[in-house]
């Protein structure tokens, strides 16, 4: 049981690390690099965030599987994980496809109207990381 809990905690903090490194560091730093145009930065962003989303889906699924394997111990996934997972699903099926479509239009030099969706994405990323951290803190207490 402790082994599965330790793997869950490690997986959780790897997930947090990925999100923080990509969303809060790489995403805005790439536009500060010499000779990076908006179109090039957006193209890189599309690739990186598609890969990050797949990693997040894998890591979250791993955590769910680890919890299902522990059902005999009457463990339940807590609210913080549920919020983070819901945000991930919203990003996967709504926000990222919309942002990708928008980025593709900008890359094609099509003028797009202003949107608050990027702000929504960043806000949800912050909430997701806080929830994952609080979930991880709760998991540590169980060790």
N, C-alpha and C. Protein backbone atom coordinates (compact mmCIF):
# COMPACT_ATOMS: atom_id res chain seq x y z
N UNK A 1 0.82 -1.19 0.00
CA UNK A 1 0.00 0.00 0.00
C UNK A 1 0.87 1.26 0.00
N UNK A 2 1.89 1.29 0.84
CA UNK A 2 2.77 2.46 0.90
C UNK A 2 3.49 2.68 -0.42
N UNK A 3 3.82 1.59 -1.11
CA UNK A 3 4.51 1.71 -2.39
C UNK A 3 3.63 2.41 -3.41
N UNK A 4 2.36 2.02 -3.49
CA UNK A 4 1.43 2.66 -4.43
C UNK A 4 1.24 4.13 -4.07
N UNK A 5 1.18 4.43 -2.80
CA UNK A 5 1.04 5.81 -2.35
C UNK A 5 2.27 6.62 -2.74
N UNK A 6 3.45 6.05 -2.58
CA UNK A 6 4.68 6.75 -2.96
C UNK A 6 4.74 6.98 -4.47
N UNK A 7 4.30 5.99 -5.23
CA UNK A 7 4.28 6.15 -6.69
C UNK A 7 3.26 7.23 -7.08
N UNK A 8 2.12 7.25 -6.39
CA UNK A 8 1.11 8.28 -6.65
C UNK A 8 1.70 9.66 -6.38
N UNK A 9 2.38 9.83 -5.25
CA UNK A 9 2.97 11.12 -4.90
C UNK A 9 4.03 11.53 -5.91
N UNK A 10 4.88 10.60 -6.30
CA UNK A 10 5.92 10.91 -7.29
C UNK A 10 5.29 11.31 -8.62
N UNK A 11 4.29 10.57 -9.06
CA UNK A 11 3.60 10.87 -10.31
C UNK A 11 2.96 12.25 -10.26
N UNK A 12 2.34 12.54 -9.15
CA UNK A 12 1.69 13.82 -8.95
C UNK A 12 2.66 14.99 -9.05
N UNK A 13 3.81 14.87 -8.39
CA UNK A 13 4.77 15.98 -8.42
C UNK A 13 5.52 16.07 -9.74
N UNK A 14 5.63 14.96 -10.46
CA UNK A 14 6.16 15.02 -11.84
C UNK A 14 5.18 15.82 -12.71
N UNK A 15 3.88 15.56 -12.53
CA UNK A 15 2.85 16.30 -13.26
C UNK A 15 2.96 17.80 -12.96
N UNK A 16 3.06 18.15 -11.70
CA UNK A 16 3.20 19.56 -11.32
C UNK A 16 4.44 20.16 -11.98
N UNK A 17 5.53 19.42 -11.98
CA UNK A 17 6.76 19.90 -12.59
C UNK A 17 6.61 20.17 -14.08
N UNK A 18 5.97 19.27 -14.78
CA UNK A 18 5.73 19.47 -16.21
C UNK A 18 4.93 20.74 -16.46
N UNK A 19 3.83 20.89 -15.75
CA UNK A 19 2.95 22.05 -15.96
C UNK A 19 3.70 23.35 -15.65
N UNK A 20 4.41 23.38 -14.53
CA UNK A 20 5.13 24.59 -14.16
C UNK A 20 6.23 24.92 -15.18
N UNK A 21 6.97 23.91 -15.61
CA UNK A 21 8.05 24.15 -16.56
C UNK A 21 7.55 24.63 -17.91
N UNK A 22 6.47 24.05 -18.39
CA UNK A 22 5.97 24.43 -19.71
C UNK A 22 5.09 25.67 -19.64
N UNK A 23 4.05 25.64 -18.84
CA UNK A 23 3.07 26.73 -18.83
C UNK A 23 3.61 28.02 -18.24
N UNK A 24 4.42 27.90 -17.20
CA UNK A 24 4.85 29.11 -16.51
C UNK A 24 6.27 29.56 -16.86
N UNK A 25 6.98 28.77 -17.67
CA UNK A 25 8.33 29.17 -18.02
C UNK A 25 8.55 29.14 -19.53
N UNK A 26 8.44 27.98 -20.14
CA UNK A 26 8.73 27.86 -21.57
C UNK A 26 7.79 28.71 -22.42
N UNK A 27 6.52 28.72 -22.08
CA UNK A 27 5.51 29.36 -22.92
C UNK A 27 5.83 30.83 -23.18
N UNK A 28 6.21 31.55 -22.18
CA UNK A 28 6.48 32.98 -22.41
C UNK A 28 7.94 33.26 -22.73
N UNK A 29 8.86 32.38 -22.29
CA UNK A 29 10.28 32.61 -22.59
C UNK A 29 10.59 32.47 -24.08
N UNK A 30 9.91 31.57 -24.76
CA UNK A 30 10.25 31.34 -26.17
C UNK A 30 10.07 32.60 -27.01
N UNK A 31 9.13 33.45 -26.63
CA UNK A 31 8.89 34.68 -27.39
C UNK A 31 9.96 35.73 -27.13
N UNK A 32 10.81 35.52 -26.15
CA UNK A 32 11.91 36.44 -25.86
C UNK A 32 13.20 36.03 -26.58
N UNK A 33 13.20 34.86 -27.19
CA UNK A 33 14.39 34.38 -27.89
C UNK A 33 14.60 35.20 -29.17
N UNK A 34 15.87 35.42 -29.54
CA UNK A 34 16.14 36.18 -30.76
C UNK A 34 15.55 35.49 -32.00
N UNK A 35 15.01 36.28 -32.87
CA UNK A 35 14.48 35.83 -34.18
C UNK A 35 13.24 34.95 -34.10
N UNK A 36 12.60 34.87 -32.95
CA UNK A 36 11.36 34.09 -32.85
C UNK A 36 10.20 35.02 -33.20
N UNK A 37 9.54 34.70 -34.28
CA UNK A 37 8.37 35.48 -34.69
C UNK A 37 7.14 34.95 -33.95
N UNK A 38 6.07 35.72 -34.00
CA UNK A 38 4.83 35.27 -33.37
C UNK A 38 4.38 33.95 -33.99
N UNK A 39 4.44 33.86 -35.31
CA UNK A 39 4.01 32.63 -36.00
C UNK A 39 4.87 31.44 -35.57
N UNK A 40 6.17 31.62 -35.51
CA UNK A 40 7.07 30.54 -35.11
C UNK A 40 6.81 30.14 -33.66
N UNK A 41 6.67 31.13 -32.79
CA UNK A 41 6.38 30.86 -31.38
C UNK A 41 5.07 30.12 -31.19
N UNK A 42 4.05 30.53 -31.95
CA UNK A 42 2.76 29.85 -31.85
C UNK A 42 2.85 28.41 -32.36
N UNK A 43 3.60 28.20 -33.44
CA UNK A 43 3.78 26.84 -33.96
C UNK A 43 4.48 25.94 -32.95
N UNK A 44 5.52 26.46 -32.33
CA UNK A 44 6.22 25.70 -31.29
C UNK A 44 5.26 25.43 -30.14
N UNK A 45 4.51 26.45 -29.75
CA UNK A 45 3.55 26.31 -28.65
C UNK A 45 2.52 25.23 -28.91
N UNK A 46 2.03 25.17 -30.15
CA UNK A 46 1.05 24.12 -30.48
C UNK A 46 1.64 22.74 -30.26
N UNK A 47 2.87 22.53 -30.70
CA UNK A 47 3.52 21.23 -30.53
C UNK A 47 3.77 20.92 -29.06
N UNK A 48 4.30 21.88 -28.35
CA UNK A 48 4.67 21.67 -26.94
C UNK A 48 3.42 21.41 -26.09
N UNK A 49 2.37 22.22 -26.28
CA UNK A 49 1.18 22.03 -25.46
C UNK A 49 0.40 20.77 -25.83
N UNK A 50 0.48 20.34 -27.08
CA UNK A 50 -0.14 19.05 -27.44
C UNK A 50 0.60 17.91 -26.73
N UNK A 51 1.93 18.00 -26.70
CA UNK A 51 2.71 16.97 -26.01
C UNK A 51 2.46 17.02 -24.50
N UNK A 52 2.43 18.22 -23.93
CA UNK A 52 2.16 18.35 -22.50
C UNK A 52 0.80 17.77 -22.15
N UNK A 53 -0.19 18.03 -22.98
CA UNK A 53 -1.53 17.51 -22.71
C UNK A 53 -1.54 15.99 -22.69
N UNK A 54 -0.81 15.37 -23.61
CA UNK A 54 -0.73 13.90 -23.62
C UNK A 54 -0.04 13.38 -22.37
N UNK A 55 1.02 14.06 -21.95
CA UNK A 55 1.72 13.66 -20.72
C UNK A 55 0.80 13.80 -19.53
N UNK A 56 0.05 14.91 -19.46
CA UNK A 56 -0.87 15.12 -18.35
C UNK A 56 -1.97 14.05 -18.32
N UNK A 57 -2.48 13.69 -19.48
CA UNK A 57 -3.51 12.65 -19.53
C UNK A 57 -2.94 11.31 -19.06
N UNK A 58 -1.71 11.01 -19.45
CA UNK A 58 -1.07 9.78 -19.01
C UNK A 58 -0.86 9.78 -17.49
N UNK A 59 -0.31 10.88 -16.97
CA UNK A 59 -0.03 10.96 -15.53
C UNK A 59 -1.31 10.92 -14.71
N UNK A 60 -2.34 11.64 -15.15
CA UNK A 60 -3.60 11.62 -14.40
C UNK A 60 -4.24 10.24 -14.45
N UNK A 61 -4.16 9.59 -15.59
CA UNK A 61 -4.70 8.23 -15.71
C UNK A 61 -3.94 7.26 -14.81
N UNK A 62 -2.63 7.46 -14.72
CA UNK A 62 -1.82 6.62 -13.83
C UNK A 62 -2.26 6.78 -12.38
N UNK A 63 -2.52 8.02 -11.98
CA UNK A 63 -2.96 8.27 -10.60
C UNK A 63 -4.32 7.62 -10.36
N UNK A 64 -5.22 7.72 -11.31
CA UNK A 64 -6.54 7.10 -11.18
C UNK A 64 -6.40 5.59 -11.05
N UNK A 65 -5.56 4.99 -11.89
CA UNK A 65 -5.35 3.54 -11.82
C UNK A 65 -4.77 3.14 -10.47
N UNK A 66 -3.81 3.91 -9.99
CA UNK A 66 -3.22 3.60 -8.67
C UNK A 66 -4.29 3.66 -7.58
N UNK A 67 -5.20 4.60 -7.67
CA UNK A 67 -6.27 4.68 -6.67
C UNK A 67 -7.25 3.53 -6.82
N UNK A 68 -7.54 3.13 -8.04
CA UNK A 68 -8.45 2.00 -8.25
C UNK A 68 -7.85 0.71 -7.68
N UNK A 69 -6.53 0.58 -7.78
CA UNK A 69 -5.86 -0.59 -7.23
C UNK A 69 -5.90 -0.61 -5.71
N UNK A 70 -6.18 0.54 -5.11
CA UNK A 70 -6.20 0.64 -3.65
C UNK A 70 -7.63 0.68 -3.09
N UNK A 71 -8.64 0.44 -3.93
CA UNK A 71 -10.03 0.53 -3.48
C UNK A 71 -10.33 -0.34 -2.28
N UNK A 72 -9.65 -1.48 -2.19
CA UNK A 72 -9.91 -2.36 -1.06
C UNK A 72 -9.58 -1.69 0.27
N UNK A 73 -8.77 -0.63 0.20
CA UNK A 73 -8.42 0.12 1.41
C UNK A 73 -9.34 1.33 1.59
N UNK A 74 -10.44 1.35 0.88
CA UNK A 74 -11.46 2.40 0.92
C UNK A 74 -10.91 3.81 0.72
N UNK A 75 -9.89 3.93 -0.08
CA UNK A 75 -9.36 5.23 -0.47
C UNK A 75 -10.23 5.83 -1.55
N UNK A 76 -10.39 7.12 -1.51
CA UNK A 76 -11.10 7.81 -2.59
C UNK A 76 -10.23 8.95 -3.09
N UNK A 77 -10.37 9.26 -4.34
CA UNK A 77 -9.65 10.41 -4.89
C UNK A 77 -10.32 11.65 -4.33
N UNK A 78 -9.52 12.57 -3.79
CA UNK A 78 -10.14 13.70 -3.11
C UNK A 78 -10.55 14.82 -4.05
N UNK A 79 -11.20 15.81 -3.49
CA UNK A 79 -11.77 16.93 -4.25
C UNK A 79 -10.71 17.67 -5.05
N UNK A 80 -9.52 17.87 -4.47
CA UNK A 80 -8.48 18.62 -5.17
C UNK A 80 -8.08 17.93 -6.47
N UNK A 81 -7.93 16.61 -6.42
CA UNK A 81 -7.60 15.89 -7.64
C UNK A 81 -8.76 15.98 -8.64
N UNK A 82 -9.99 15.87 -8.14
CA UNK A 82 -11.16 15.97 -9.00
C UNK A 82 -11.22 17.30 -9.74
N UNK A 83 -10.91 18.38 -9.04
CA UNK A 83 -10.90 19.70 -9.68
C UNK A 83 -9.81 19.76 -10.74
N UNK A 84 -8.61 19.30 -10.39
CA UNK A 84 -7.48 19.33 -11.34
C UNK A 84 -7.80 18.48 -12.57
N UNK A 85 -8.38 17.32 -12.36
CA UNK A 85 -8.71 16.43 -13.48
C UNK A 85 -9.81 17.04 -14.36
N UNK A 86 -10.78 17.68 -13.74
CA UNK A 86 -11.84 18.35 -14.50
C UNK A 86 -11.25 19.48 -15.35
N UNK A 87 -10.34 20.23 -14.76
CA UNK A 87 -9.67 21.30 -15.52
C UNK A 87 -8.91 20.71 -16.70
N UNK A 88 -8.19 19.61 -16.47
CA UNK A 88 -7.46 18.95 -17.55
C UNK A 88 -8.41 18.55 -18.68
N UNK A 89 -9.55 18.00 -18.33
CA UNK A 89 -10.53 17.61 -19.35
C UNK A 89 -11.08 18.82 -20.11
N UNK A 90 -11.34 19.91 -19.39
CA UNK A 90 -11.79 21.15 -20.04
C UNK A 90 -10.73 21.65 -21.02
N UNK A 91 -9.47 21.60 -20.59
CA UNK A 91 -8.39 22.03 -21.47
C UNK A 91 -8.27 21.12 -22.69
N UNK A 92 -8.40 19.83 -22.46
CA UNK A 92 -8.23 18.86 -23.54
C UNK A 92 -9.32 18.99 -24.61
N UNK A 93 -10.57 19.12 -24.17
CA UNK A 93 -11.68 19.04 -25.12
C UNK A 93 -12.28 20.38 -25.51
N UNK A 94 -11.88 21.46 -24.83
CA UNK A 94 -12.44 22.77 -25.18
C UNK A 94 -11.36 23.81 -25.42
N UNK A 95 -10.56 24.12 -24.39
CA UNK A 95 -9.66 25.27 -24.47
C UNK A 95 -8.52 25.06 -25.47
N UNK A 96 -7.80 23.95 -25.37
CA UNK A 96 -6.68 23.73 -26.29
C UNK A 96 -7.12 23.66 -27.75
N UNK A 97 -8.21 22.95 -28.08
CA UNK A 97 -8.64 22.99 -29.48
C UNK A 97 -8.98 24.41 -29.97
N UNK A 98 -9.62 25.20 -29.11
CA UNK A 98 -9.94 26.59 -29.48
C UNK A 98 -8.66 27.42 -29.66
N UNK A 99 -7.73 27.27 -28.73
CA UNK A 99 -6.47 28.03 -28.84
C UNK A 99 -5.66 27.57 -30.06
N UNK A 100 -5.69 26.28 -30.36
CA UNK A 100 -4.99 25.77 -31.56
C UNK A 100 -5.58 26.37 -32.83
N UNK A 101 -6.90 26.40 -32.88
CA UNK A 101 -7.57 26.98 -34.06
C UNK A 101 -7.19 28.45 -34.21
N UNK A 102 -7.19 29.15 -33.12
CA UNK A 102 -6.82 30.57 -33.12
C UNK A 102 -5.37 30.76 -33.56
N UNK A 103 -4.46 29.94 -33.01
CA UNK A 103 -3.05 30.03 -33.37
C UNK A 103 -2.85 29.73 -34.86
N UNK A 104 -3.54 28.74 -35.36
CA UNK A 104 -3.43 28.39 -36.78
C UNK A 104 -3.85 29.56 -37.66
N UNK A 105 -4.92 30.24 -37.28
CA UNK A 105 -5.37 31.41 -38.05
C UNK A 105 -4.34 32.53 -38.00
N UNK A 106 -3.76 32.76 -36.83
CA UNK A 106 -2.75 33.81 -36.70
C UNK A 106 -1.52 33.46 -37.53
N UNK A 107 -1.12 32.19 -37.50
CA UNK A 107 0.02 31.73 -38.31
C UNK A 107 -0.26 31.96 -39.80
N UNK A 108 -1.51 31.77 -40.20
CA UNK A 108 -1.92 31.97 -41.60
C UNK A 108 -2.18 33.44 -41.92
N UNK A 109 -1.88 34.30 -40.95
CA UNK A 109 -2.05 35.75 -41.07
C UNK A 109 -3.51 36.17 -41.24
N UNK A 110 -4.40 35.39 -40.66
CA UNK A 110 -5.82 35.75 -40.62
C UNK A 110 -6.03 36.57 -39.34
N UNK A 111 -6.68 37.69 -39.46
CA UNK A 111 -6.94 38.53 -38.30
C UNK A 111 -8.05 37.89 -37.47
N UNK A 112 -7.77 37.72 -36.19
CA UNK A 112 -8.75 37.12 -35.28
C UNK A 112 -9.15 38.15 -34.24
N UNK A 113 -10.39 38.10 -33.78
CA UNK A 113 -10.82 39.05 -32.74
C UNK A 113 -10.14 38.74 -31.41
N UNK A 114 -10.08 39.73 -30.56
CA UNK A 114 -9.52 39.55 -29.22
C UNK A 114 -10.30 38.46 -28.50
N UNK A 115 -9.59 37.75 -27.62
CA UNK A 115 -10.21 36.67 -26.88
C UNK A 115 -9.63 36.62 -25.48
N UNK A 116 -10.45 36.24 -24.52
CA UNK A 116 -9.99 36.06 -23.14
C UNK A 116 -9.61 34.60 -22.86
N UNK A 117 -9.66 33.75 -23.88
CA UNK A 117 -9.45 32.32 -23.67
C UNK A 117 -8.04 32.01 -23.14
N UNK A 118 -7.04 32.75 -23.60
CA UNK A 118 -5.69 32.52 -23.10
C UNK A 118 -5.62 32.84 -21.61
N UNK A 119 -6.26 33.93 -21.20
CA UNK A 119 -6.33 34.29 -19.78
C UNK A 119 -7.04 33.20 -18.98
N UNK A 120 -8.11 32.66 -19.54
CA UNK A 120 -8.84 31.56 -18.89
C UNK A 120 -7.92 30.35 -18.73
N UNK A 121 -7.16 30.03 -19.78
CA UNK A 121 -6.24 28.89 -19.73
C UNK A 121 -5.21 29.07 -18.62
N UNK A 122 -4.59 30.24 -18.56
CA UNK A 122 -3.56 30.50 -17.55
C UNK A 122 -4.16 30.44 -16.15
N UNK A 123 -5.33 31.02 -15.98
CA UNK A 123 -6.00 30.99 -14.67
C UNK A 123 -6.28 29.55 -14.26
N UNK A 124 -6.77 28.75 -15.18
CA UNK A 124 -7.05 27.34 -14.88
C UNK A 124 -5.76 26.56 -14.59
N UNK A 125 -4.67 26.92 -15.26
CA UNK A 125 -3.38 26.27 -14.98
C UNK A 125 -2.97 26.54 -13.54
N UNK A 126 -3.14 27.77 -13.09
CA UNK A 126 -2.78 28.13 -11.71
C UNK A 126 -3.64 27.35 -10.73
N UNK A 127 -4.94 27.32 -10.97
CA UNK A 127 -5.85 26.57 -10.10
C UNK A 127 -5.49 25.09 -10.09
N UNK A 128 -5.18 24.55 -11.27
CA UNK A 128 -4.83 23.13 -11.38
C UNK A 128 -3.58 22.81 -10.57
N UNK A 129 -2.55 23.63 -10.68
CA UNK A 129 -1.30 23.39 -9.94
C UNK A 129 -1.54 23.50 -8.44
N UNK A 130 -2.31 24.48 -8.01
CA UNK A 130 -2.61 24.62 -6.58
C UNK A 130 -3.36 23.39 -6.08
N UNK A 131 -4.35 22.95 -6.84
CA UNK A 131 -5.11 21.76 -6.44
C UNK A 131 -4.23 20.51 -6.40
N UNK A 132 -3.37 20.35 -7.39
CA UNK A 132 -2.46 19.20 -7.39
C UNK A 132 -1.52 19.25 -6.20
N UNK A 133 -1.02 20.43 -5.87
CA UNK A 133 -0.14 20.57 -4.72
C UNK A 133 -0.88 20.21 -3.43
N UNK A 134 -2.10 20.72 -3.27
CA UNK A 134 -2.89 20.42 -2.06
C UNK A 134 -3.22 18.93 -1.98
N UNK A 135 -3.52 18.33 -3.13
CA UNK A 135 -3.76 16.89 -3.18
C UNK A 135 -2.50 16.14 -2.75
N UNK A 136 -1.35 16.57 -3.27
CA UNK A 136 -0.07 15.94 -2.90
C UNK A 136 0.22 16.08 -1.42
N UNK A 137 -0.08 17.26 -0.87
CA UNK A 137 0.12 17.48 0.56
C UNK A 137 -0.73 16.50 1.38
N UNK A 138 -1.97 16.28 0.95
CA UNK A 138 -2.85 15.32 1.62
C UNK A 138 -2.31 13.90 1.51
N UNK A 139 -1.72 13.59 0.38
CA UNK A 139 -1.15 12.25 0.17
C UNK A 139 0.06 12.04 1.08
N UNK A 140 0.88 13.07 1.23
CA UNK A 140 2.04 12.97 2.13
C UNK A 140 1.61 12.70 3.56
N UNK A 141 0.50 13.28 3.97
CA UNK A 141 0.02 13.06 5.34
C UNK A 141 -0.35 11.59 5.58
N UNK A 142 -0.66 10.86 4.51
CA UNK A 142 -1.05 9.46 4.65
C UNK A 142 0.14 8.52 4.73
N UNK A 143 1.32 9.02 4.46
CA UNK A 143 2.52 8.16 4.52
C UNK A 143 2.86 7.76 5.93
